[in-house]
Amino acid sequence: MRIFVTGATGFIGSAVVQELLAAGHQAVGLARSDQAAAALKSAGADVHRGALDDLDSLQKGAAAADGVIHLAFVHDFLNFAAAAETDRQAIEAIGAALQGSGKPLVVTSGTMMLPQGRLGTEEDAPLATTPRQSESAALALVERGVRSSVVRLAPSVHGPGDHGFVPQLIRIARDKGVSACIGDGSNRWPAVHRLDAARLFRLAVEAAPAGSRLHGISDEGVPFRDIAGVIGRHLNLPVVSVSREDAAAHFGWLSGFAAADNPASSAKTQQLLGWKPVHSALIPDLEEGHYFSS
């Protein structure tokens, strides 16, 4: 299959490209810059020039493909509503190009948009209050003849080269001189290794039924205090508790995520697609030390 991938040079997207190529597919990556184009060529992928907010380029890339994996997202958490709207428009543009074709479109979402405090499953709908409309935009395309599905990723997609939430927690700990959790730190984060996530995206574009919600989850729920503990040990810093009232001052924009209790299961995804995580869990990956080498 010729698969058009947005976000193809990112932390997860670059692994998805390698997964597709290793499985015998042709990967075509969206590239906004010369640097991104060069990275795609070096990886063995084809290049489609464009950008997430260039809807015409997205439609042309999708129309020329046998399927699409949409990973790109503007990670501006201080202006999240605008980022979510850009994402919604991108999904609708891609869907318009695929309408009536029966071709697959795999869209990225996240477990953090599920109800908190209990084990989330693939059957759960996202909270109505979330600004991000990735799922509703993607699944509405099923009625328009697109084999669309959604992959919900854990808040920590980890592995060497990660520049997501965990590196931000490490930076905050270095800046503040302590590694912190909120309250007793019993709130839980699910997690998945980037290589396991990449395989799930490949399986989804190949075989996910239309309308599927899939969970990219290996660890169902790592207590936040365990993450803070590893960070503290590796940085030789004390591990402390901060109150919910003081969380924003300590964590900044990350405070809402640091307080989230977001356990989630991938049991139905594993049964549906035969996907099984095989790479390192989050805490052993942190213990390897590569997160702390710079």
C-alpha atoms as a PDB file:
ATOM      1  CA  MET A   1       0.000   0.000   0.000  1.00  0.00           C
ATOM      2  CA  ARG A   2       1.041   3.593  -0.582  1.00  0.00           C
ATOM      3  CA  ILE A   3       0.459   5.261   2.803  1.00  0.00           C
ATOM      4  CA  PHE A   4       0.430   9.037   3.230  1.00  0.00           C
ATOM      5  CA  VAL A   5       1.682   9.958   6.716  1.00  0.00           C
ATOM      6  CA  THR A   6       1.312  13.374   8.336  1.00  0.00           C
ATOM      7  CA  GLY A   7       3.725  14.047  11.170  1.00  0.00           C
ATOM      8  CA  ALA A   8       6.073  11.601   9.471  1.00  0.00           C
ATOM      9  CA  THR A   9       9.296  13.113  10.824  1.00  0.00           C
ATOM     10  CA  GLY A  10       8.129  13.345  14.436  1.00  0.00           C
ATOM     11  CA  PHE A  11       9.027  11.091  17.350  1.00  0.00           C
ATOM     12  CA  ILE A  12       6.174   8.662  16.648  1.00  0.00           C
ATOM     13  CA  GLY A  13       5.798   9.349  12.937  1.00  0.00           C
ATOM     14  CA  SER A  14       9.400   8.464  12.118  1.00  0.00           C
ATOM     15  CA  ALA A  15       8.885   5.100  13.805  1.00  0.00           C
ATOM     16  CA  VAL A  16       5.628   4.606  11.880  1.00  0.00           C
ATOM     17  CA  VAL A  17       7.442   5.267   8.598  1.00  0.00           C
ATOM     18  CA  GLN A  18      10.051   2.628   9.441  1.00  0.00           C
ATOM     19  CA  GLU A  19       7.325   0.171  10.483  1.00  0.00           C
ATOM     20  CA  LEU A  20       5.483   0.672   7.183  1.00  0.00           C
ATOM     21  CA  LEU A  21       8.612   0.277   5.088  1.00  0.00           C
ATOM     22  CA  ALA A  22       9.670  -2.863   6.970  1.00  0.00           C
ATOM     23  CA  ALA A  23       6.237  -4.370   6.263  1.00  0.00           C
ATOM     24  CA  GLY A  24       6.616  -3.743   2.516  1.00  0.00           C
ATOM     25  CA  HIS A  25       4.471  -0.635   2.217  1.00  0.00           C
ATOM     26  CA  GLN A  26       5.412   2.603   0.470  1.00  0.00           C
ATOM     27  CA  ALA A  27       5.484   5.530   2.889  1.00  0.00           C
ATOM     28  CA  VAL A  28       4.899   9.106   1.735  1.00  0.00           C
ATOM     29  CA  GLY A  29       5.557  11.754   4.361  1.00  0.00           C
ATOM     30  CA  LEU A  30       4.202  15.286   4.600  1.00  0.00           C
ATOM     31  CA  ALA A  31       7.147  17.717   4.704  1.00  0.00           C
ATOM     32  CA  ARG A  32       6.910  21.426   5.417  1.00  0.00           C
ATOM     33  CA  SER A  33      10.654  22.136   5.336  1.00  0.00           C
ATOM     34  CA  ASP A  34      13.750  21.113   3.405  1.00  0.00           C
ATOM     35  CA  GLN A  35      15.059  19.527   6.596  1.00  0.00           C
ATOM     36  CA  ALA A  36      11.958  17.347   6.939  1.00  0.00           C
ATOM     37  CA  ALA A  37      12.132  16.372   3.262  1.00  0.00           C
ATOM     38  CA  ALA A  38      15.771  15.353   3.639  1.00  0.00           C
ATOM     39  CA  ALA A  39      14.954  13.265   6.725  1.00  0.00           C
ATOM     40  CA  LEU A  40      12.191  11.439   4.861  1.00  0.00           C
ATOM     41  CA  LYS A  41      14.408  10.710   1.884  1.00  0.00           C
ATOM     42  CA  SER A  42      17.141   9.440   4.175  1.00  0.00           C
ATOM     43  CA  ALA A  43      14.629   7.116   5.834  1.00  0.00           C
ATOM     44  CA  GLY A  44      13.600   5.676   2.472  1.00  0.00           C
ATOM     45  CA  ALA A  45      10.223   7.403   2.258  1.00  0.00           C
ATOM     46  CA  ASP A  46       8.795   9.565  -0.496  1.00  0.00           C
ATOM     47  CA  VAL A  47       8.151  13.257   0.105  1.00  0.00           C
ATOM     48  CA  HIS A  48       4.950  15.247  -0.292  1.00  0.00           C
ATOM     49  CA  ARG A  49       5.518  18.945   0.322  1.00  0.00           C
ATOM     50  CA  GLY A  50       2.868  20.772   2.309  1.00  0.00           C
ATOM     51  CA  ALA A  51       1.762  21.655   5.813  1.00  0.00           C
ATOM     52  CA  LEU A  52      -0.962  20.824   8.309  1.00  0.00           C
ATOM     53  CA  ASP A  53      -2.776  24.085   7.621  1.00  0.00           C
ATOM     54  CA  ASP A  54      -2.382  23.761   3.843  1.00  0.00           C
ATOM     55  CA  LEU A  55      -5.612  21.876   3.197  1.00  0.00           C
ATOM     56  CA  ASP A  56      -5.037  21.642  -0.543  1.00  0.00           C
ATOM     57  CA  SER A  57      -1.713  19.861   0.018  1.00  0.00           C
ATOM     58  CA  LEU A  58      -3.384  17.445   2.442  1.00  0.00           C
ATOM     59  CA  GLN A  59      -6.103  16.595  -0.057  1.00  0.00           C
ATOM     60  CA  LYS A  60      -3.607  15.994  -2.852  1.00  0.00           C
ATOM     61  CA  GLY A  61      -1.483  13.755  -0.645  1.00  0.00           C
ATOM     62  CA  ALA A  62      -4.499  11.754   0.474  1.00  0.00           C
ATOM     63  CA  ALA A  63      -5.980  11.428  -3.011  1.00  0.00           C
ATOM     64  CA  ALA A  64      -2.760   9.902  -4.340  1.00  0.00           C
ATOM     65  CA  ALA A  65      -2.509   7.329  -1.532  1.00  0.00           C
ATOM     66  CA  ASP A  66      -4.072   3.974  -0.710  1.00  0.00           C
ATOM     67  CA  GLY A  67      -4.494   5.059   2.885  1.00  0.00           C
ATOM     68  CA  VAL A  68      -3.609   7.816   5.349  1.00  0.00           C
ATOM     69  CA  ILE A  69      -2.150   7.873   8.858  1.00  0.00           C
ATOM     70  CA  HIS A  70      -2.707  11.288  10.422  1.00  0.00           C
ATOM     71  CA  LEU A  71      -0.251  11.936  13.263  1.00  0.00           C
ATOM     72  CA  ALA A  72       0.520  15.644  12.920  1.00  0.00           C
ATOM     73  CA  PHE A  73      -0.775  17.975  15.622  1.00  0.00           C
ATOM     74  CA  VAL A  74       0.207  21.458  16.770  1.00  0.00           C
ATOM     75  CA  HIS A  75       1.254  20.803  20.382  1.00  0.00           C
ATOM     76  CA  ASP A  76       0.443  24.264  21.670  1.00  0.00           C
ATOM     77  CA  PHE A  77      -1.153  23.575  25.041  1.00  0.00           C
ATOM     78  CA  LEU A  78      -1.433  27.280  25.795  1.00  0.00           C
ATOM     79  CA  ASN A  79      -3.663  27.717  22.729  1.00  0.00           C
ATOM     80  CA  PHE A  80      -5.161  24.258  22.595  1.00  0.00           C
ATOM     81  CA  ALA A  81      -8.521  25.248  21.108  1.00  0.00           C
ATOM     82  CA  ALA A  82      -6.817  26.707  18.027  1.00  0.00           C
ATOM     83  CA  ALA A  83      -4.617  23.622  17.674  1.00  0.00           C
ATOM     84  CA  ALA A  84      -7.691  21.397  17.922  1.00  0.00           C
ATOM     85  CA  GLU A  85      -9.473  23.398  15.227  1.00  0.00           C
ATOM     86  CA  THR A  86      -6.494  23.094  12.879  1.00  0.00           C
ATOM     87  CA  ASP A  87      -6.584  19.341  13.460  1.00  0.00           C
ATOM     88  CA  ARG A  88     -10.320  19.109  12.791  1.00  0.00           C
ATOM     89  CA  GLN A  89      -9.994  20.990   9.522  1.00  0.00           C
ATOM     90  CA  ALA A  90      -7.100  18.768   8.448  1.00  0.00           C
ATOM     91  CA  ILE A  91      -9.102  15.601   9.127  1.00  0.00           C
ATOM     92  CA  GLU A  92     -12.103  16.896   7.200  1.00  0.00           C
ATOM     93  CA  ALA A  93      -9.881  17.862   4.240  1.00  0.00           C
ATOM     94  CA  ILE A  94      -8.275  14.433   4.149  1.00  0.00           C
ATOM     95  CA  GLY A  95     -11.688  12.796   4.499  1.00  0.00           C
ATOM     96  CA  ALA A  96     -13.051  14.778   1.572  1.00  0.00           C
ATOM     97  CA  ALA A  97     -10.258  13.413  -0.623  1.00  0.00           C
ATOM     98  CA  LEU A  98     -10.991   9.834   0.490  1.00  0.00           C
ATOM     99  CA  GLN A  99     -14.796  10.080   0.380  1.00  0.00           C
ATOM    100  CA  GLY A 100     -16.483   7.069  -1.222  1.00  0.00           C
ATOM    101  CA  SER A 101     -13.215   5.208  -1.734  1.00  0.00           C
ATOM    102  CA  GLY A 102     -13.341   2.772   1.181  1.00  0.00           C
ATOM    103  CA  LYS A 103      -9.695   3.623   1.830  1.00  0.00           C
ATOM    104  CA  PRO A 104      -8.380   3.679   5.400  1.00  0.00           C
ATOM    105  CA  LEU A 105      -7.769   6.804   7.436  1.00  0.00           C
ATOM    106  CA  VAL A 106      -6.174   6.379  10.867  1.00  0.00           C
ATOM    107  CA  VAL A 107      -6.438   9.451  13.092  1.00  0.00           C
ATOM    108  CA  THR A 108      -4.575  10.081  16.334  1.00  0.00           C
ATOM    109  CA  SER A 109      -6.286  10.919  19.605  1.00  0.00           C
ATOM    110  CA  GLY A 110      -5.403  10.490  23.283  1.00  0.00           C
ATOM    111  CA  THR A 111      -6.615   8.720  26.400  1.00  0.00           C
ATOM    112  CA  MET A 112      -6.414  11.964  28.391  1.00  0.00           C
ATOM    113  CA  MET A 113      -9.744  12.959  26.841  1.00  0.00           C
ATOM    114  CA  LEU A 114     -11.526  10.055  28.557  1.00  0.00           C
ATOM    115  CA  PRO A 115     -13.340  10.214  31.916  1.00  0.00           C
ATOM    116  CA  GLN A 116     -10.844  10.249  34.770  1.00  0.00           C
ATOM    117  CA  GLY A 117     -10.467   8.035  37.827  1.00  0.00           C
ATOM    118  CA  ARG A 118     -11.422   4.700  36.295  1.00  0.00           C
ATOM    119  CA  LEU A 119     -10.047   2.279  33.720  1.00  0.00           C
ATOM    120  CA  GLY A 120     -10.834   3.672  30.280  1.00  0.00           C
ATOM    121  CA  THR A 121     -11.675   1.305  27.446  1.00  0.00           C
ATOM    122  CA  GLU A 122     -12.119   1.552  23.714  1.00  0.00           C
ATOM    123  CA  GLU A 123     -15.883   1.702  24.213  1.00  0.00           C
ATOM    124  CA  ASP A 124     -15.695   4.957  26.165  1.00  0.00           C
ATOM    125  CA  ALA A 125     -16.532   8.158  24.313  1.00  0.00           C
ATOM    126  CA  PRO A 126     -14.305  11.179  24.889  1.00  0.00           C
ATOM    127  CA  LEU A 127     -15.474  13.852  27.287  1.00  0.00           C
ATOM    128  CA  ALA A 128     -17.871  16.264  25.614  1.00  0.00           C
ATOM    129  CA  THR A 129     -15.933  19.174  27.104  1.00  0.00           C
ATOM    130  CA  THR A 130     -12.687  18.476  25.251  1.00  0.00           C
ATOM    131  CA  PRO A 131     -11.849  20.991  22.504  1.00  0.00           C
ATOM    132  CA  ARG A 132     -10.154  18.314  20.421  1.00  0.00           C
ATOM    133  CA  GLN A 133     -12.657  16.864  17.944  1.00  0.00           C
ATOM    134  CA  SER A 134     -10.333  14.387  16.232  1.00  0.00           C
ATOM    135  CA  GLU A 135     -12.477  11.379  17.014  1.00  0.00           C
ATOM    136  CA  SER A 136     -15.845  12.765  16.036  1.00  0.00           C
ATOM    137  CA  ALA A 137     -14.413  14.222  12.819  1.00  0.00           C
ATOM    138  CA  ALA A 138     -12.783  10.933  11.881  1.00  0.00           C
ATOM    139  CA  LEU A 139     -15.650   8.612  12.767  1.00  0.00           C
ATOM    140  CA  ALA A 140     -18.203  10.802  10.965  1.00  0.00           C
ATOM    141  CA  LEU A 141     -16.355   9.883   7.775  1.00  0.00           C
ATOM    142  CA  VAL A 142     -17.464   6.255   8.020  1.00  0.00           C
ATOM    143  CA  GLU A 143     -20.882   7.222   6.631  1.00  0.00           C
ATOM    144  CA  ARG A 144     -19.088   8.943   3.744  1.00  0.00           C
ATOM    145  CA  GLY A 145     -17.343   5.773   2.603  1.00  0.00           C
ATOM    146  CA  VAL A 146     -14.014   6.105   4.437  1.00  0.00           C
ATOM    147  CA  ARG A 147     -12.608   3.232   6.530  1.00  0.00           C
ATOM    148  CA  SER A 148     -11.689   5.591   9.327  1.00  0.00           C
ATOM    149  CA  SER A 149     -10.440   4.566  12.756  1.00  0.00           C
ATOM    150  CA  VAL A 150      -8.908   6.261  15.784  1.00  0.00           C
ATOM    151  CA  VAL A 151      -5.779   5.371  17.731  1.00  0.00           C
ATOM    152  CA  ARG A 152      -5.803   6.826  21.234  1.00  0.00           C
ATOM    153  CA  LEU A 153      -2.287   7.197  22.568  1.00  0.00           C
ATOM    154  CA  ALA A 154      -1.185   7.227  26.181  1.00  0.00           C
ATOM    155  CA  PRO A 155       0.120  10.528  27.598  1.00  0.00           C
ATOM    156  CA  SER A 156       3.577   8.957  27.718  1.00  0.00           C
ATOM    157  CA  VAL A 157       4.747   7.497  24.420  1.00  0.00           C
ATOM    158  CA  HIS A 158       8.283   6.763  25.496  1.00  0.00           C
ATOM    159  CA  GLY A 159      11.645   5.647  24.186  1.00  0.00           C
ATOM    160  CA  PRO A 160      14.963   7.179  23.109  1.00  0.00           C
ATOM    161  CA  GLY A 161      14.425  10.586  21.531  1.00  0.00           C
ATOM    162  CA  ASP A 162      11.214  11.317  23.446  1.00  0.00           C
ATOM    163  CA  HIS A 163      10.468  15.039  23.748  1.00  0.00           C
ATOM    164  CA  GLY A 164       7.002  14.750  25.288  1.00  0.00           C
ATOM    165  CA  PHE A 165       5.657  14.985  28.824  1.00  0.00           C
ATOM    166  CA  VAL A 166       8.317  12.952  30.658  1.00  0.00           C
ATOM    167  CA  PRO A 167      11.225  15.097  29.382  1.00  0.00           C
ATOM    168  CA  GLN A 168       9.203  18.135  30.467  1.00  0.00           C
ATOM    169  CA  LEU A 169       8.885  16.646  33.961  1.00  0.00           C
ATOM    170  CA  ILE A 170      12.648  16.090  34.028  1.00  0.00           C
ATOM    171  CA  ARG A 171      13.256  19.689  32.954  1.00  0.00           C
ATOM    172  CA  ILE A 172      10.931  20.989  35.655  1.00  0.00           C
ATOM    173  CA  ALA A 173      12.678  18.850  38.291  1.00  0.00           C
ATOM    174  CA  ARG A 174      16.064  20.223  37.257  1.00  0.00           C
ATOM    175  CA  ASP A 175      14.761  23.789  37.304  1.00  0.00           C
ATOM    176  CA  LYS A 176      12.995  23.460  40.671  1.00  0.00           C
ATOM    177  CA  GLY A 177      15.576  21.270  42.410  1.00  0.00           C
ATOM    178  CA  VAL A 178      12.952  18.696  43.398  1.00  0.00           C
ATOM    179  CA  SER A 179      10.996  15.964  41.662  1.00  0.00           C
ATOM    180  CA  ALA A 180       7.350  16.374  42.569  1.00  0.00           C
ATOM    181  CA  CYS A 181       4.011  14.630  42.521  1.00  0.00           C
ATOM    182  CA  ILE A 182       0.645  16.076  43.455  1.00  0.00           C
ATOM    183  CA  GLY A 183      -0.716  14.866  46.780  1.00  0.00           C
ATOM    184  CA  ASP A 184       0.262  11.251  47.374  1.00  0.00           C
ATOM    185  CA  GLY A 185       0.986  10.725  43.657  1.00  0.00           C
ATOM    186  CA  SER A 186      -1.379   7.767  43.389  1.00  0.00           C
ATOM    187  CA  ASN A 187      -2.913   9.132  40.171  1.00  0.00           C
ATOM    188  CA  ARG A 188      -1.999   6.968  37.194  1.00  0.00           C
ATOM    189  CA  TRP A 189      -0.689   7.486  33.677  1.00  0.00           C
ATOM    190  CA  PRO A 190      -0.922   4.837  30.968  1.00  0.00           C
ATOM    191  CA  ALA A 191       2.117   4.486  28.738  1.00  0.00           C
ATOM    192  CA  VAL A 192       3.361   2.799  25.556  1.00  0.00           C
ATOM    193  CA  HIS A 193       6.723   2.445  23.829  1.00  0.00           C
ATOM    194  CA  ARG A 194       6.964   4.323  20.520  1.00  0.00           C
ATOM    195  CA  LEU A 195       7.847   1.134  18.606  1.00  0.00           C
ATOM    196  CA  ASP A 196       4.763  -0.658  19.922  1.00  0.00           C
ATOM    197  CA  ALA A 197       2.669   2.391  19.019  1.00  0.00           C
ATOM    198  CA  ALA A 198       4.146   2.402  15.503  1.00  0.00           C
ATOM    199  CA  ARG A 199       3.157  -1.209  14.973  1.00  0.00           C
ATOM    200  CA  LEU A 200      -0.399  -0.446  16.072  1.00  0.00           C
ATOM    201  CA  PHE A 201      -0.708   2.339  13.500  1.00  0.00           C
ATOM    202  CA  ARG A 202       0.494  -0.035  10.792  1.00  0.00           C
ATOM    203  CA  LEU A 203      -1.986  -2.733  11.823  1.00  0.00           C
ATOM    204  CA  ALA A 204      -4.771  -0.144  11.941  1.00  0.00           C
ATOM    205  CA  VAL A 205      -4.188   1.153   8.426  1.00  0.00           C
ATOM    206  CA  GLU A 206      -4.016  -2.414   7.167  1.00  0.00           C
ATOM    207  CA  ALA A 207      -7.024  -3.931   8.903  1.00  0.00           C
ATOM    208  CA  ALA A 208      -8.912  -1.836  11.468  1.00  0.00           C
ATOM    209  CA  PRO A 209     -12.673  -2.010  10.838  1.00  0.00           C
ATOM    210  CA  ALA A 210     -14.411   1.243   9.996  1.00  0.00           C
ATOM    211  CA  GLY A 211     -15.376   3.149  13.115  1.00  0.00           C
ATOM    212  CA  SER A 212     -12.859   1.423  15.395  1.00  0.00           C
ATOM    213  CA  ARG A 213     -11.486   3.089  18.500  1.00  0.00           C
ATOM    214  CA  LEU A 214      -8.096   1.599  19.337  1.00  0.00           C
ATOM    215  CA  HIS A 215      -5.883   2.054  22.391  1.00  0.00           C
ATOM    216  CA  GLY A 216      -2.112   2.361  22.151  1.00  0.00           C
ATOM    217  CA  ILE A 217      -1.524   1.267  25.749  1.00  0.00           C
ATOM    218  CA  SER A 218       1.072  -1.041  27.288  1.00  0.00           C
ATOM    219  CA  ASP A 219       1.196   0.071  30.940  1.00  0.00           C
ATOM    220  CA  GLU A 220      -2.416   0.460  32.025  1.00  0.00           C
ATOM    221  CA  GLY A 221      -1.596   2.884  34.824  1.00  0.00           C
ATOM    222  CA  VAL A 222       1.779   3.876  36.248  1.00  0.00           C
ATOM    223  CA  PRO A 223       1.432   5.770  39.561  1.00  0.00           C
ATOM    224  CA  PHE A 224       2.748   9.293  39.073  1.00  0.00           C
ATOM    225  CA  ARG A 225       4.780   8.982  42.276  1.00  0.00           C
ATOM    226  CA  ASP A 226       6.755   6.147  40.631  1.00  0.00           C
ATOM    227  CA  ILE A 227       7.633   8.406  37.694  1.00  0.00           C
ATOM    228  CA  ALA A 228       8.639  11.194  40.081  1.00  0.00           C
ATOM    229  CA  GLY A 229      10.688   8.691  42.095  1.00  0.00           C
ATOM    230  CA  VAL A 230      12.749   7.540  39.119  1.00  0.00           C
ATOM    231  CA  ILE A 231      13.364  11.145  38.090  1.00  0.00           C
ATOM    232  CA  GLY A 232      14.471  12.028  41.604  1.00  0.00           C
ATOM    233  CA  ARG A 233      16.886   9.098  41.856  1.00  0.00           C
ATOM    234  CA  HIS A 234      18.510   9.737  38.492  1.00  0.00           C
ATOM    235  CA  LEU A 235      18.881  13.471  39.132  1.00  0.00           C
ATOM    236  CA  ASN A 236      19.854  12.972  42.797  1.00  0.00           C
ATOM    237  CA  LEU A 237      16.999  15.222  43.859  1.00  0.00           C
ATOM    238  CA  PRO A 238      14.473  14.886  46.689  1.00  0.00           C
ATOM    239  CA  VAL A 239      10.993  13.678  45.799  1.00  0.00           C
ATOM    240  CA  VAL A 240       8.316  15.908  47.292  1.00  0.00           C
ATOM    241  CA  SER A 241       4.558  16.289  47.348  1.00  0.00           C
ATOM    242  CA  VAL A 242       2.906  19.507  46.239  1.00  0.00           C
ATOM    243  CA  SER A 243      -0.699  20.391  46.927  1.00  0.00           C
ATOM    244  CA  ARG A 244      -3.267  20.783  44.190  1.00  0.00           C
ATOM    245  CA  GLU A 245      -3.350  24.487  45.023  1.00  0.00           C
ATOM    246  CA  ASP A 246       0.395  24.779  44.384  1.00  0.00           C
ATOM    247  CA  ALA A 247       0.517  22.446  41.351  1.00  0.00           C
ATOM    248  CA  ALA A 248       0.158  25.195  38.746  1.00  0.00           C
ATOM    249  CA  ALA A 249       3.041  27.161  40.261  1.00  0.00           C
ATOM    250  CA  HIS A 250       5.251  24.085  40.171  1.00  0.00           C
ATOM    251  CA  PHE A 251       4.258  22.356  36.921  1.00  0.00           C
ATOM    252  CA  GLY A 252       2.975  25.302  34.876  1.00  0.00           C
ATOM    253  CA  TRP A 253       0.862  24.278  31.863  1.00  0.00           C
ATOM    254  CA  LEU A 254       1.638  20.641  32.665  1.00  0.00           C
ATOM    255  CA  SER A 255      -0.190  20.751  36.007  1.00  0.00           C
ATOM    256  CA  GLY A 256      -3.467  19.389  34.632  1.00  0.00           C
ATOM    257  CA  PHE A 257      -1.676  16.430  33.114  1.00  0.00           C
ATOM    258  CA  ALA A 258       0.397  15.866  36.257  1.00  0.00           C
ATOM    259  CA  ALA A 259      -2.836  15.623  38.268  1.00  0.00           C
ATOM    260  CA  ALA A 260      -4.661  13.334  35.824  1.00  0.00           C
ATOM    261  CA  ASP A 261      -5.775   9.885  36.914  1.00  0.00           C
ATOM    262  CA  ASN A 262      -6.051   8.270  33.500  1.00  0.00           C
ATOM    263  CA  PRO A 263      -5.654   4.475  33.605  1.00  0.00           C
ATOM    264  CA  ALA A 264      -6.629   2.809  30.343  1.00  0.00           C
ATOM    265  CA  SER A 265      -6.813  -0.669  28.846  1.00  0.00           C
ATOM    266  CA  SER A 266      -5.922  -1.957  25.377  1.00  0.00           C
ATOM    267  CA  ALA A 267      -7.472  -5.416  25.824  1.00  0.00           C
ATOM    268  CA  LYS A 268     -10.059  -4.962  23.066  1.00  0.00           C
ATOM    269  CA  THR A 269      -7.459  -3.534  20.668  1.00  0.00           C
ATOM    270  CA  GLN A 270      -5.166  -6.474  21.277  1.00  0.00           C
ATOM    271  CA  GLN A 271      -7.995  -8.910  20.635  1.00  0.00           C
ATOM    272  CA  LEU A 272      -9.230  -7.107  17.509  1.00  0.00           C
ATOM    273  CA  LEU A 273      -5.909  -6.658  15.709  1.00  0.00           C
ATOM    274  CA  GLY A 274      -3.608  -9.195  17.352  1.00  0.00           C
ATOM    275  CA  TRP A 275      -1.432  -6.354  18.607  1.00  0.00           C
ATOM    276  CA  LYS A 276       0.696  -7.082  21.655  1.00  0.00           C
ATOM    277  CA  PRO A 277       3.175  -4.645  23.192  1.00  0.00           C
ATOM    278  CA  VAL A 278       6.622  -6.234  23.395  1.00  0.00           C
ATOM    279  CA  HIS A 279       8.957  -3.332  24.132  1.00  0.00           C
ATOM    280  CA  SER A 280      10.060  -1.844  27.449  1.00  0.00           C
ATOM    281  CA  ALA A 281       7.494  -0.531  29.918  1.00  0.00           C
ATOM    282  CA  LEU A 282       7.823   3.082  31.088  1.00  0.00           C
ATOM    283  CA  ILE A 283       9.624   2.649  34.417  1.00  0.00           C
ATOM    284  CA  PRO A 284      12.248   0.197  33.078  1.00  0.00           C
ATOM    285  CA  ASP A 285      12.773   2.527  30.108  1.00  0.00           C
ATOM    286  CA  LEU A 286      13.375   5.451  32.477  1.00  0.00           C
ATOM    287  CA  GLU A 287      15.721   3.331  34.579  1.00  0.00           C
ATOM    288  CA  GLU A 288      17.933   2.716  31.528  1.00  0.00           C
ATOM    289  CA  GLY A 289      19.120   6.304  31.933  1.00  0.00           C
ATOM    290  CA  HIS A 290      18.881   7.648  28.377  1.00  0.00           C
ATOM    291  CA  TYR A 291      16.296  10.235  29.479  1.00  0.00           C
ATOM    292  CA  PHE A 292      18.918  11.783  31.747  1.00  0.00           C
ATOM    293  CA  SER A 293      21.965  11.808  29.477  1.00  0.00           C
ATOM    294  CA  SER A 294      21.686  15.451  28.443  1.00  0.00           C
END
